[in-house]
C-alpha atoms as a PDB file:
ATOM      1  CA  MET A   1      53.291  15.000 -94.398  1.00  0.00           C
ATOM      2  CA  ASP A   2      49.976  16.703 -95.131  1.00  0.00           C
ATOM      3  CA  PHE A   3      48.876  16.269 -91.530  1.00  0.00           C
ATOM      4  CA  ALA A   4      52.073  17.912 -90.270  1.00  0.00           C
ATOM      5  CA  ILE A   5      51.351  20.980 -92.412  1.00  0.00           C
ATOM      6  CA  ALA A   6      47.767  21.024 -91.162  1.00  0.00           C
ATOM      7  CA  VAL A   7      48.910  20.829 -87.535  1.00  0.00           C
ATOM      8  CA  GLY A   8      51.355  23.682 -88.090  1.00  0.00           C
ATOM      9  CA  LEU A   9      48.686  25.846 -89.694  1.00  0.00           C
ATOM     10  CA  ILE A  10      46.167  25.063 -86.972  1.00  0.00           C
ATOM     11  CA  MET A  11      48.575  25.967 -84.180  1.00  0.00           C
ATOM     12  CA  GLY A  12      49.895  29.071 -85.913  1.00  0.00           C
ATOM     13  CA  LEU A  13      46.475  30.482 -86.695  1.00  0.00           C
ATOM     14  CA  ALA A  14      45.219  29.664 -83.202  1.00  0.00           C
ATOM     15  CA  ALA A  15      48.164  31.537 -81.678  1.00  0.00           C
ATOM     16  CA  VAL A  16      47.563  34.560 -83.903  1.00  0.00           C
ATOM     17  CA  GLY A  17      43.846  34.528 -83.120  1.00  0.00           C
ATOM     18  CA  ALA A  18      44.469  34.267 -79.385  1.00  0.00           C
ATOM     19  CA  GLY A  19      46.976  37.119 -79.528  1.00  0.00           C
ATOM     20  CA  ILE A  20      44.528  39.371 -81.329  1.00  0.00           C
ATOM     21  CA  GLY A  21      41.720  38.390 -78.968  1.00  0.00           C
ATOM     22  CA  ASN A  22      43.842  39.008 -75.861  1.00  0.00           C
ATOM     23  CA  GLY A  23      44.836  42.405 -77.195  1.00  0.00           C
ATOM     24  CA  LEU A  24      41.222  43.376 -77.826  1.00  0.00           C
ATOM     25  CA  VAL A  25      40.033  42.210 -74.414  1.00  0.00           C
ATOM     26  CA  MET A  26      42.789  44.041 -72.554  1.00  0.00           C
ATOM     27  CA  SER A  27      42.426  47.231 -74.603  1.00  0.00           C
ATOM     28  CA  ARG A  28      38.702  47.327 -73.795  1.00  0.00           C
ATOM     29  CA  TYR A  29      39.507  46.654 -70.137  1.00  0.00           C
ATOM     30  CA  ILE A  30      41.925  49.583 -69.966  1.00  0.00           C
ATOM     31  CA  GLU A  31      39.468  51.783 -71.845  1.00  0.00           C
ATOM     32  CA  GLY A  32      36.729  50.842 -69.378  1.00  0.00           C
ATOM     33  CA  ILE A  33      38.956  51.700 -66.410  1.00  0.00           C
ATOM     34  CA  ALA A  34      39.786  55.048 -68.006  1.00  0.00           C
ATOM     35  CA  ARG A  35      36.080  55.828 -68.384  1.00  0.00           C
ATOM     36  CA  GLN A  36      34.914  54.512 -64.985  1.00  0.00           C
ATOM     37  CA  PRO A  37      37.725  53.978 -62.485  1.00  0.00           C
ATOM     38  CA  GLU A  38      35.257  52.965 -59.758  1.00  0.00           C
ATOM     39  CA  ALA A  39      34.198  49.897 -61.776  1.00  0.00           C
ATOM     40  CA  ARG A  40      37.725  48.488 -61.752  1.00  0.00           C
ATOM     41  CA  GLY A  41      36.886  45.345 -59.751  1.00  0.00           C
ATOM     42  CA  LEU A  42      33.928  44.356 -61.922  1.00  0.00           C
ATOM     43  CA  LEU A  43      35.847  45.064 -65.107  1.00  0.00           C
ATOM     44  CA  PHE A  44      38.829  43.042 -63.885  1.00  0.00           C
ATOM     45  CA  THR A  45      36.632  40.005 -63.235  1.00  0.00           C
ATOM     46  CA  GLN A  46      35.004  40.294 -66.643  1.00  0.00           C
ATOM     47  CA  ALA A  47      38.383  40.776 -68.335  1.00  0.00           C
ATOM     48  CA  LEU A  48      39.734  37.609 -66.721  1.00  0.00           C
ATOM     49  CA  ILE A  49      36.683  35.648 -67.857  1.00  0.00           C
ATOM     50  CA  GLY A  50      37.122  37.052 -71.366  1.00  0.00           C
ATOM     51  CA  LEU A  51      40.811  36.140 -71.406  1.00  0.00           C
ATOM     52  CA  GLY A  52      39.970  32.626 -70.262  1.00  0.00           C
ATOM     53  CA  LEU A  53      37.470  32.211 -73.073  1.00  0.00           C
ATOM     54  CA  VAL A  54      39.932  33.551 -75.631  1.00  0.00           C
ATOM     55  CA  GLU A  55      42.676  31.233 -74.363  1.00  0.00           C
ATOM     56  CA  ALA A  56      40.371  28.238 -74.817  1.00  0.00           C
ATOM     57  CA  LEU A  57      40.864  28.558 -78.587  1.00  0.00           C
ATOM     58  CA  PRO A  58      44.563  27.519 -78.647  1.00  0.00           C
ATOM     59  CA  VAL A  59      43.884  24.680 -76.210  1.00  0.00           C
ATOM     60  CA  ILE A  60      41.156  23.320 -78.475  1.00  0.00           C
ATOM     61  CA  ALA A  61      43.431  23.798 -81.494  1.00  0.00           C
ATOM     62  CA  LEU A  62      46.191  21.899 -79.686  1.00  0.00           C
ATOM     63  CA  ALA A  63      43.824  19.001 -79.041  1.00  0.00           C
ATOM     64  CA  ILE A  64      42.716  18.931 -82.681  1.00  0.00           C
ATOM     65  CA  GLY A  65      46.344  19.190 -83.819  1.00  0.00           C
ATOM     66  CA  LEU A  66      47.390  16.270 -81.632  1.00  0.00           C
ATOM     67  CA  ILE A  67      44.477  14.207 -82.925  1.00  0.00           C
ATOM     68  CA  LEU A  68      45.513  14.939 -86.512  1.00  0.00           C
ATOM     69  CA  PHE A  69      49.195  14.359 -85.707  1.00  0.00           C
ATOM     70  CA  GLY A  70      48.316  10.962 -84.262  1.00  0.00           C
ATOM     71  CA  ARG A  71      46.980   9.915 -87.668  1.00  0.00           C
ATOM     72  CA  LEU A  72      50.428  10.046 -89.276  1.00  0.00           C
END
């Protein structure tokens, strides 16, 4: 039972963290386009890399959660 609570907390906090991180990355991307529209292509590439790195957090949390859930 304790592991199920831990898995739920891990996944919930990872989802919240990824949501906040995605929001920050995209807000900075839009702000950068507003300041320098000619740098749109470079900023888009960097924003996608940033989103990929942020989205790695829930995937890692899922793996840890499944490892803990397997110990039940």
